[in-house]
Amino acid sequence: MIEARPSGYHVENHLIDDTRRWVKERRASWSDLQAALDPVAGPLWDNSSSSYNGIHDRIEETAARSLGGSLRLIKVNDFKIVVGVEGAEIGRAKQKVRGYFTFNDMPYLLAVTDPVIEGKYLGGSDGEFRIGSAALCISLREPYRGYAYKLIASVIPEI
């Protein structure tokens, strides 16, 4: 990485040196991952808003500007994949992959953008698929129509 390049509430952003190749040095163990979890005592940022298809999946853009970060690495014990068609009521029917979990006694249903998980479930059967214990990287996307949406950017099942 060349340097930090924070942008708005995305304070973790960095400029990547595209003249150098990344080299995988090792695979992190589950205990390595546990040590990297973010200490979050309450909700994931702010739970005051939900979209039509999600639960606690968005934050008003004005509130998001003062969060001080856009990534959280958390562990959950009840993760499940929820696959179904969304948007049919507005003529935009599309299969969507979401993740359901509880965290600090609060439910969440967030869109999944992890390409491995999307690739596994998109185009398959609709339904709910229990994963169980997993580490999740939760990210806030760029504002869209006045909201910053919470996304599951990565799913790391416990093995």
N, C-alpha and C. Protein backbone atom coordinates (compact mmCIF):
# COMPACT_ATOMS: atom_id res chain seq x y z
N MET A 1 0.84 -1.17 0.00
CA MET A 1 0.00 0.00 0.00
C MET A 1 0.89 1.24 0.00
N ILE A 2 0.42 2.23 -0.72
CA ILE A 2 1.23 3.44 -0.84
C ILE A 2 0.97 4.39 0.32
N GLU A 3 -0.31 4.66 0.59
CA GLU A 3 -0.64 5.59 1.67
C GLU A 3 -2.12 5.48 2.02
N ALA A 4 -2.44 5.99 3.20
CA ALA A 4 -3.83 6.07 3.61
C ALA A 4 -4.55 7.09 2.74
N ARG A 5 -5.78 6.78 2.33
CA ARG A 5 -6.60 7.69 1.54
C ARG A 5 -8.04 7.68 2.06
N PRO A 6 -8.23 8.16 3.30
CA PRO A 6 -9.60 8.17 3.83
C PRO A 6 -10.52 9.04 2.99
N SER A 7 -11.78 8.64 2.94
CA SER A 7 -12.78 9.38 2.18
C SER A 7 -14.09 9.32 2.94
N GLY A 8 -14.51 10.45 3.48
CA GLY A 8 -15.75 10.47 4.27
C GLY A 8 -15.66 9.51 5.44
N TYR A 9 -16.67 8.67 5.60
CA TYR A 9 -16.66 7.70 6.70
C TYR A 9 -15.84 6.45 6.37
N HIS A 10 -15.29 6.37 5.17
CA HIS A 10 -14.41 5.26 4.80
C HIS A 10 -12.97 5.59 5.19
N VAL A 11 -12.73 5.67 6.49
CA VAL A 11 -11.42 6.08 6.98
C VAL A 11 -10.36 5.00 6.78
N GLU A 12 -10.78 3.78 6.48
CA GLU A 12 -9.84 2.66 6.31
C GLU A 12 -9.25 2.60 4.90
N ASN A 13 -9.73 3.40 3.98
CA ASN A 13 -9.27 3.33 2.59
C ASN A 13 -7.78 3.63 2.46
N HIS A 14 -7.12 2.86 1.58
CA HIS A 14 -5.71 3.06 1.26
C HIS A 14 -5.52 3.02 -0.25
N LEU A 15 -4.50 3.70 -0.72
CA LEU A 15 -4.11 3.64 -2.12
C LEU A 15 -3.19 2.43 -2.28
N ILE A 16 -3.58 1.53 -3.18
CA ILE A 16 -2.81 0.30 -3.39
C ILE A 16 -1.82 0.52 -4.53
N ASP A 17 -0.61 0.06 -4.35
CA ASP A 17 0.42 0.16 -5.37
C ASP A 17 0.16 -0.89 -6.44
N ASP A 18 -0.30 -0.45 -7.61
CA ASP A 18 -0.64 -1.41 -8.66
C ASP A 18 0.57 -1.86 -9.48
N THR A 19 1.75 -1.43 -9.08
CA THR A 19 2.96 -1.89 -9.77
C THR A 19 3.57 -3.11 -9.08
N ARG A 20 2.99 -3.50 -7.94
CA ARG A 20 3.52 -4.65 -7.20
C ARG A 20 2.42 -5.69 -7.06
N ARG A 21 2.81 -6.94 -7.07
CA ARG A 21 1.86 -8.05 -6.91
C ARG A 21 1.73 -8.42 -5.44
N TRP A 22 0.53 -8.81 -5.05
CA TRP A 22 0.32 -9.30 -3.69
C TRP A 22 0.85 -10.72 -3.60
N VAL A 23 1.43 -11.06 -2.46
CA VAL A 23 1.96 -12.40 -2.25
C VAL A 23 1.30 -12.97 -0.99
N LYS A 24 0.69 -14.12 -1.15
CA LYS A 24 0.08 -14.79 0.00
C LYS A 24 1.20 -15.42 0.82
N GLU A 25 1.30 -15.02 2.08
CA GLU A 25 2.36 -15.53 2.93
C GLU A 25 1.91 -16.70 3.78
N ARG A 26 0.64 -16.69 4.21
CA ARG A 26 0.13 -17.80 5.00
C ARG A 26 -1.38 -17.68 5.12
N ARG A 27 -1.99 -18.69 5.66
CA ARG A 27 -3.43 -18.68 5.90
C ARG A 27 -3.65 -18.42 7.38
N ALA A 28 -4.51 -17.45 7.69
CA ALA A 28 -4.80 -17.13 9.09
C ALA A 28 -5.59 -18.28 9.73
N SER A 29 -5.29 -18.56 10.97
CA SER A 29 -6.04 -19.57 11.71
C SER A 29 -7.29 -18.92 12.30
N TRP A 30 -8.20 -19.76 12.79
CA TRP A 30 -9.41 -19.24 13.43
C TRP A 30 -9.03 -18.41 14.66
N SER A 31 -8.01 -18.81 15.39
CA SER A 31 -7.60 -18.02 16.57
C SER A 31 -6.98 -16.69 16.15
N ASP A 32 -6.27 -16.64 15.01
CA ASP A 32 -5.77 -15.36 14.48
C ASP A 32 -6.96 -14.44 14.19
N LEU A 33 -7.97 -15.00 13.60
CA LEU A 33 -9.16 -14.23 13.26
C LEU A 33 -9.86 -13.72 14.52
N GLN A 34 -9.96 -14.56 15.53
CA GLN A 34 -10.59 -14.16 16.80
C GLN A 34 -9.86 -12.95 17.41
N ALA A 35 -8.55 -12.93 17.29
CA ALA A 35 -7.77 -11.83 17.86
C ALA A 35 -7.99 -10.52 17.09
N ALA A 36 -8.46 -10.63 15.85
CA ALA A 36 -8.66 -9.43 15.02
C ALA A 36 -10.08 -8.87 15.09
N LEU A 37 -10.98 -9.53 15.82
CA LEU A 37 -12.37 -9.08 15.89
C LEU A 37 -12.46 -7.69 16.50
N ASP A 38 -13.41 -6.91 16.00
CA ASP A 38 -13.64 -5.57 16.55
C ASP A 38 -14.49 -5.65 17.81
N PRO A 39 -14.10 -4.94 18.85
CA PRO A 39 -14.94 -4.93 20.06
C PRO A 39 -16.13 -3.99 19.85
N VAL A 40 -17.31 -4.56 19.72
CA VAL A 40 -18.53 -3.78 19.48
C VAL A 40 -19.49 -4.12 20.61
N ALA A 41 -19.81 -3.14 21.45
CA ALA A 41 -20.65 -3.40 22.62
C ALA A 41 -22.14 -3.33 22.31
N GLY A 42 -22.54 -2.53 21.36
CA GLY A 42 -23.96 -2.35 21.07
C GLY A 42 -24.29 -2.73 19.65
N PRO A 43 -25.09 -1.90 18.98
CA PRO A 43 -25.46 -2.20 17.59
C PRO A 43 -24.29 -1.96 16.64
N LEU A 44 -24.45 -2.47 15.43
CA LEU A 44 -23.48 -2.18 14.37
C LEU A 44 -23.77 -0.76 13.88
N TRP A 45 -23.06 0.16 14.44
CA TRP A 45 -23.19 1.59 14.20
C TRP A 45 -24.52 2.13 14.71
N ASP A 46 -25.56 2.00 13.92
CA ASP A 46 -26.85 2.63 14.22
C ASP A 46 -27.94 1.71 13.66
N ASN A 47 -28.93 1.39 14.47
CA ASN A 47 -29.99 0.49 14.01
C ASN A 47 -31.33 1.20 13.84
N SER A 48 -31.32 2.47 13.52
CA SER A 48 -32.57 3.23 13.47
C SER A 48 -33.33 3.10 12.16
N SER A 49 -32.79 2.38 11.16
CA SER A 49 -33.48 2.31 9.88
C SER A 49 -33.30 0.94 9.22
N SER A 50 -34.37 0.49 8.57
CA SER A 50 -34.35 -0.76 7.81
C SER A 50 -34.96 -0.50 6.44
N SER A 51 -34.42 -1.17 5.42
CA SER A 51 -34.98 -1.07 4.09
C SER A 51 -36.19 -2.01 3.97
N TYR A 52 -36.81 -2.01 2.81
CA TYR A 52 -37.99 -2.85 2.57
C TYR A 52 -37.68 -4.33 2.78
N ASN A 53 -36.50 -4.78 2.35
CA ASN A 53 -36.14 -6.20 2.42
C ASN A 53 -35.15 -6.55 3.51
N GLY A 54 -34.59 -5.56 4.19
CA GLY A 54 -33.56 -5.82 5.19
C GLY A 54 -34.04 -5.54 6.61
N ILE A 55 -33.18 -5.87 7.55
CA ILE A 55 -33.40 -5.56 8.96
C ILE A 55 -32.16 -4.85 9.48
N HIS A 56 -32.33 -3.62 10.00
CA HIS A 56 -31.22 -2.82 10.51
C HIS A 56 -30.08 -2.75 9.50
N ASP A 57 -30.43 -2.53 8.23
CA ASP A 57 -29.44 -2.62 7.16
C ASP A 57 -29.03 -1.28 6.57
N ARG A 58 -29.45 -0.17 7.17
CA ARG A 58 -29.03 1.11 6.61
C ARG A 58 -28.98 2.18 7.69
N ILE A 59 -28.21 3.22 7.37
CA ILE A 59 -28.01 4.36 8.27
C ILE A 59 -28.22 5.61 7.43
N GLU A 60 -28.91 6.60 7.97
CA GLU A 60 -29.07 7.85 7.24
C GLU A 60 -27.70 8.43 6.92
N GLU A 61 -27.55 8.93 5.71
CA GLU A 61 -26.26 9.44 5.24
C GLU A 61 -25.67 10.49 6.18
N THR A 62 -26.50 11.37 6.70
CA THR A 62 -25.99 12.41 7.60
C THR A 62 -25.43 11.80 8.87
N ALA A 63 -26.04 10.75 9.39
CA ALA A 63 -25.54 10.08 10.59
C ALA A 63 -24.26 9.30 10.28
N ALA A 64 -24.19 8.71 9.08
CA ALA A 64 -23.01 7.91 8.71
C ALA A 64 -21.74 8.75 8.66
N ARG A 65 -21.87 10.03 8.34
CA ARG A 65 -20.69 10.90 8.23
C ARG A 65 -19.92 11.02 9.54
N SER A 66 -20.56 10.78 10.66
CA SER A 66 -19.89 10.96 11.96
C SER A 66 -19.54 9.63 12.63
N LEU A 67 -19.53 8.53 11.89
CA LEU A 67 -19.30 7.21 12.50
C LEU A 67 -17.84 6.92 12.80
N GLY A 68 -16.93 7.47 12.03
CA GLY A 68 -15.51 7.23 12.29
C GLY A 68 -14.99 5.92 11.77
N GLY A 69 -15.70 5.27 10.87
CA GLY A 69 -15.22 4.02 10.28
C GLY A 69 -16.33 3.32 9.53
N SER A 70 -15.92 2.50 8.54
CA SER A 70 -16.91 1.83 7.70
C SER A 70 -16.74 0.32 7.64
N LEU A 71 -15.90 -0.25 8.49
CA LEU A 71 -15.69 -1.70 8.51
C LEU A 71 -15.75 -2.23 9.93
N ARG A 72 -16.34 -3.41 10.08
CA ARG A 72 -16.36 -4.12 11.36
C ARG A 72 -16.14 -5.60 11.07
N LEU A 73 -15.26 -6.22 11.83
CA LEU A 73 -15.07 -7.67 11.77
C LEU A 73 -15.68 -8.23 13.04
N ILE A 74 -16.73 -9.04 12.88
CA ILE A 74 -17.47 -9.57 14.03
C ILE A 74 -17.61 -11.08 13.91
N LYS A 75 -17.94 -11.72 15.02
CA LYS A 75 -18.24 -13.16 15.03
C LYS A 75 -19.69 -13.33 15.45
N VAL A 76 -20.40 -14.20 14.73
CA VAL A 76 -21.77 -14.54 15.07
C VAL A 76 -21.90 -16.05 15.15
N ASN A 77 -22.91 -16.52 15.87
CA ASN A 77 -23.08 -17.96 16.05
C ASN A 77 -24.27 -18.53 15.30
N ASP A 78 -25.12 -17.67 14.73
CA ASP A 78 -26.37 -18.13 14.12
C ASP A 78 -26.52 -17.66 12.67
N PHE A 79 -25.44 -17.59 11.94
CA PHE A 79 -25.48 -17.05 10.58
C PHE A 79 -26.20 -18.00 9.63
N LYS A 80 -27.06 -17.42 8.81
CA LYS A 80 -27.68 -18.20 7.74
C LYS A 80 -27.79 -17.34 6.48
N ILE A 81 -27.69 -18.00 5.35
CA ILE A 81 -27.85 -17.39 4.05
C ILE A 81 -29.34 -17.44 3.71
N VAL A 82 -29.87 -16.32 3.24
CA VAL A 82 -31.27 -16.24 2.82
C VAL A 82 -31.28 -15.83 1.35
N VAL A 83 -31.80 -16.72 0.50
CA VAL A 83 -31.83 -16.46 -0.94
C VAL A 83 -33.29 -16.34 -1.37
N GLY A 84 -33.61 -15.27 -2.09
CA GLY A 84 -34.97 -15.10 -2.57
C GLY A 84 -35.06 -14.00 -3.60
N VAL A 85 -36.19 -13.95 -4.25
CA VAL A 85 -36.44 -12.93 -5.27
C VAL A 85 -36.95 -11.67 -4.58
N GLU A 86 -36.34 -10.55 -4.92
CA GLU A 86 -36.74 -9.25 -4.39
C GLU A 86 -37.05 -8.31 -5.56
N GLY A 87 -37.88 -7.32 -5.31
CA GLY A 87 -38.17 -6.28 -6.30
C GLY A 87 -39.30 -6.60 -7.26
N ALA A 88 -39.96 -7.74 -7.12
CA ALA A 88 -41.04 -8.10 -8.04
C ALA A 88 -42.18 -7.08 -7.98
N GLU A 89 -42.42 -6.53 -6.79
CA GLU A 89 -43.54 -5.59 -6.63
C GLU A 89 -43.33 -4.28 -7.39
N ILE A 90 -42.10 -4.00 -7.80
CA ILE A 90 -41.83 -2.79 -8.59
C ILE A 90 -41.34 -3.14 -10.00
N GLY A 91 -41.56 -4.38 -10.40
CA GLY A 91 -41.18 -4.81 -11.75
C GLY A 91 -39.71 -5.05 -11.96
N ARG A 92 -38.97 -5.26 -10.90
CA ARG A 92 -37.52 -5.52 -10.99
C ARG A 92 -37.15 -6.79 -10.24
N ALA A 93 -37.83 -7.86 -10.53
CA ALA A 93 -37.58 -9.13 -9.84
C ALA A 93 -36.16 -9.62 -10.09
N LYS A 94 -35.45 -9.89 -9.00
CA LYS A 94 -34.07 -10.34 -9.10
C LYS A 94 -33.75 -11.19 -7.87
N GLN A 95 -33.07 -12.30 -8.09
CA GLN A 95 -32.67 -13.13 -6.97
C GLN A 95 -31.57 -12.41 -6.18
N LYS A 96 -31.69 -12.43 -4.88
CA LYS A 96 -30.76 -11.69 -4.00
C LYS A 96 -30.27 -12.64 -2.90
N VAL A 97 -29.02 -12.45 -2.50
CA VAL A 97 -28.45 -13.21 -1.39
C VAL A 97 -28.29 -12.27 -0.21
N ARG A 98 -28.88 -12.64 0.90
CA ARG A 98 -28.77 -11.87 2.14
C ARG A 98 -28.25 -12.79 3.24
N GLY A 99 -27.76 -12.17 4.29
CA GLY A 99 -27.31 -12.92 5.46
C GLY A 99 -28.11 -12.49 6.67
N TYR A 100 -28.60 -13.47 7.42
CA TYR A 100 -29.34 -13.19 8.66
C TYR A 100 -28.48 -13.63 9.84
N PHE A 101 -28.45 -12.79 10.89
CA PHE A 101 -27.74 -13.13 12.11
C PHE A 101 -28.22 -12.23 13.23
N THR A 102 -27.91 -12.62 14.45
CA THR A 102 -28.11 -11.73 15.58
C THR A 102 -26.73 -11.36 16.11
N PHE A 103 -26.64 -10.11 16.56
CA PHE A 103 -25.38 -9.62 17.12
C PHE A 103 -25.72 -8.70 18.28
N ASN A 104 -25.16 -8.99 19.44
CA ASN A 104 -25.50 -8.25 20.66
C ASN A 104 -27.01 -8.17 20.85
N ASP A 105 -27.66 -9.31 20.68
CA ASP A 105 -29.11 -9.49 20.87
C ASP A 105 -29.97 -8.69 19.90
N MET A 106 -29.43 -8.28 18.77
CA MET A 106 -30.19 -7.54 17.77
C MET A 106 -30.16 -8.28 16.44
N PRO A 107 -31.31 -8.40 15.76
CA PRO A 107 -31.33 -9.10 14.48
C PRO A 107 -30.85 -8.21 13.33
N TYR A 108 -30.25 -8.86 12.33
CA TYR A 108 -29.80 -8.18 11.12
C TYR A 108 -30.11 -9.06 9.91
N LEU A 109 -30.51 -8.43 8.83
CA LEU A 109 -30.66 -9.09 7.54
C LEU A 109 -30.04 -8.14 6.52
N LEU A 110 -28.84 -8.48 6.08
CA LEU A 110 -28.03 -7.59 5.22
C LEU A 110 -27.73 -8.25 3.89
N ALA A 111 -27.58 -7.44 2.85
CA ALA A 111 -27.16 -7.95 1.55
C ALA A 111 -25.74 -8.50 1.65
N VAL A 112 -25.50 -9.60 0.94
CA VAL A 112 -24.18 -10.23 0.89
C VAL A 112 -23.51 -9.85 -0.42
N THR A 113 -22.28 -9.33 -0.32
CA THR A 113 -21.52 -8.99 -1.53
C THR A 113 -20.25 -9.83 -1.66
N ASP A 114 -20.05 -10.79 -0.77
CA ASP A 114 -18.91 -11.71 -0.84
C ASP A 114 -19.05 -12.51 -2.15
N PRO A 115 -18.08 -12.36 -3.08
CA PRO A 115 -18.23 -13.02 -4.39
C PRO A 115 -18.27 -14.55 -4.32
N VAL A 116 -17.61 -15.16 -3.36
CA VAL A 116 -17.64 -16.61 -3.23
C VAL A 116 -19.03 -17.07 -2.81
N ILE A 117 -19.59 -16.40 -1.81
CA ILE A 117 -20.94 -16.75 -1.33
C ILE A 117 -21.98 -16.47 -2.41
N GLU A 118 -21.90 -15.30 -3.05
CA GLU A 118 -22.85 -15.00 -4.13
C GLU A 118 -22.76 -16.05 -5.24
N GLY A 119 -21.55 -16.41 -5.61
CA GLY A 119 -21.36 -17.40 -6.67
C GLY A 119 -21.93 -18.76 -6.31
N LYS A 120 -21.88 -19.09 -5.06
CA LYS A 120 -22.39 -20.40 -4.60
C LYS A 120 -23.92 -20.43 -4.58
N TYR A 121 -24.56 -19.32 -4.22
CA TYR A 121 -26.01 -19.33 -4.00
C TYR A 121 -26.84 -18.68 -5.10
N LEU A 122 -26.31 -17.71 -5.82
CA LEU A 122 -27.08 -17.08 -6.90
C LEU A 122 -27.31 -18.09 -8.01
N GLY A 123 -28.52 -18.12 -8.53
CA GLY A 123 -28.84 -19.05 -9.60
C GLY A 123 -29.28 -20.41 -9.10
N GLY A 124 -29.18 -20.62 -7.79
CA GLY A 124 -29.63 -21.87 -7.20
C GLY A 124 -31.04 -21.72 -6.63
N SER A 125 -31.37 -22.60 -5.72
CA SER A 125 -32.70 -22.59 -5.11
C SER A 125 -32.84 -21.45 -4.11
N ASP A 126 -34.05 -20.88 -4.07
CA ASP A 126 -34.37 -19.93 -3.01
C ASP A 126 -34.51 -20.72 -1.71
N GLY A 127 -34.27 -20.04 -0.59
CA GLY A 127 -34.44 -20.69 0.70
C GLY A 127 -33.46 -20.15 1.73
N GLU A 128 -33.43 -20.81 2.87
CA GLU A 128 -32.53 -20.45 3.96
C GLU A 128 -31.52 -21.58 4.15
N PHE A 129 -30.26 -21.20 4.32
CA PHE A 129 -29.18 -22.17 4.41
C PHE A 129 -28.34 -21.85 5.65
N ARG A 130 -28.39 -22.74 6.65
CA ARG A 130 -27.72 -22.50 7.92
C ARG A 130 -26.21 -22.69 7.78
N ILE A 131 -25.47 -21.68 8.23
CA ILE A 131 -24.01 -21.74 8.26
C ILE A 131 -23.53 -21.95 9.70
N GLY A 132 -24.17 -21.25 10.65
CA GLY A 132 -23.79 -21.36 12.06
C GLY A 132 -22.76 -20.31 12.44
N SER A 133 -21.68 -20.75 13.05
CA SER A 133 -20.65 -19.83 13.53
C SER A 133 -19.80 -19.31 12.36
N ALA A 134 -19.64 -17.99 12.31
CA ALA A 134 -18.87 -17.38 11.22
C ALA A 134 -18.35 -16.02 11.64
N ALA A 135 -17.25 -15.63 11.03
CA ALA A 135 -16.76 -14.25 11.15
C ALA A 135 -17.29 -13.52 9.92
N LEU A 136 -17.77 -12.30 10.15
CA LEU A 136 -18.33 -11.50 9.07
C LEU A 136 -17.62 -10.16 9.01
N CYS A 137 -17.25 -9.73 7.82
CA CYS A 137 -16.76 -8.38 7.63
C CYS A 137 -17.95 -7.56 7.16
N ILE A 138 -18.39 -6.63 8.01
CA ILE A 138 -19.52 -5.77 7.70
C ILE A 138 -18.96 -4.44 7.20
N SER A 139 -19.48 -3.99 6.08
CA SER A 139 -19.00 -2.76 5.45
C SER A 139 -20.17 -1.82 5.19
N LEU A 140 -19.88 -0.53 5.20
CA LEU A 140 -20.87 0.47 4.79
C LEU A 140 -20.55 0.89 3.36
N ARG A 141 -21.52 0.79 2.48
CA ARG A 141 -21.30 1.19 1.10
C ARG A 141 -21.41 2.71 0.97
N GLU A 142 -21.02 3.20 -0.18
CA GLU A 142 -21.18 4.62 -0.48
C GLU A 142 -22.66 4.98 -0.36
N PRO A 143 -22.97 6.22 0.00
CA PRO A 143 -24.38 6.61 0.15
C PRO A 143 -25.18 6.38 -1.13
N TYR A 144 -26.41 5.94 -0.94
CA TYR A 144 -27.35 5.72 -2.04
C TYR A 144 -28.72 6.21 -1.60
N ARG A 145 -29.24 7.22 -2.29
CA ARG A 145 -30.55 7.79 -1.99
C ARG A 145 -30.72 8.15 -0.52
N GLY A 146 -29.67 8.76 0.04
CA GLY A 146 -29.76 9.27 1.40
C GLY A 146 -29.39 8.31 2.50
N TYR A 147 -28.95 7.08 2.14
CA TYR A 147 -28.60 6.08 3.15
C TYR A 147 -27.27 5.42 2.83
N ALA A 148 -26.56 5.03 3.89
CA ALA A 148 -25.38 4.17 3.78
C ALA A 148 -25.85 2.78 4.19
N TYR A 149 -25.77 1.84 3.27
CA TYR A 149 -26.25 0.48 3.53
C TYR A 149 -25.15 -0.39 4.12
N LYS A 150 -25.51 -1.19 5.11
CA LYS A 150 -24.60 -2.17 5.71
C LYS A 150 -24.60 -3.41 4.82
N LEU A 151 -23.43 -3.90 4.49
CA LEU A 151 -23.26 -5.07 3.63
C LEU A 151 -22.39 -6.11 4.31
N ILE A 152 -22.62 -7.36 3.97
CA ILE A 152 -21.71 -8.41 4.42
C ILE A 152 -20.71 -8.60 3.29
N ALA A 153 -19.52 -8.02 3.47
CA ALA A 153 -18.50 -8.04 2.43
C ALA A 153 -17.75 -9.37 2.38
N SER A 154 -17.69 -10.05 3.51
CA SER A 154 -16.97 -11.32 3.56
C SER A 154 -17.58 -12.23 4.62
N VAL A 155 -17.68 -13.50 4.29
CA VAL A 155 -18.18 -14.54 5.20
C VAL A 155 -17.06 -15.56 5.39
N ILE A 156 -16.65 -15.76 6.63
CA ILE A 156 -15.61 -16.75 6.93
C ILE A 156 -16.21 -17.76 7.92
N PRO A 157 -16.73 -18.88 7.40
CA PRO A 157 -17.32 -19.87 8.30
C PRO A 157 -16.27 -20.49 9.22
N GLU A 158 -16.68 -20.79 10.45
CA GLU A 158 -15.77 -21.47 11.38
C GLU A 158 -15.67 -22.94 10.97
N ILE A 159 -14.43 -23.40 10.85
CA ILE A 159 -14.22 -24.82 10.50
C ILE A 159 -13.36 -25.51 11.53
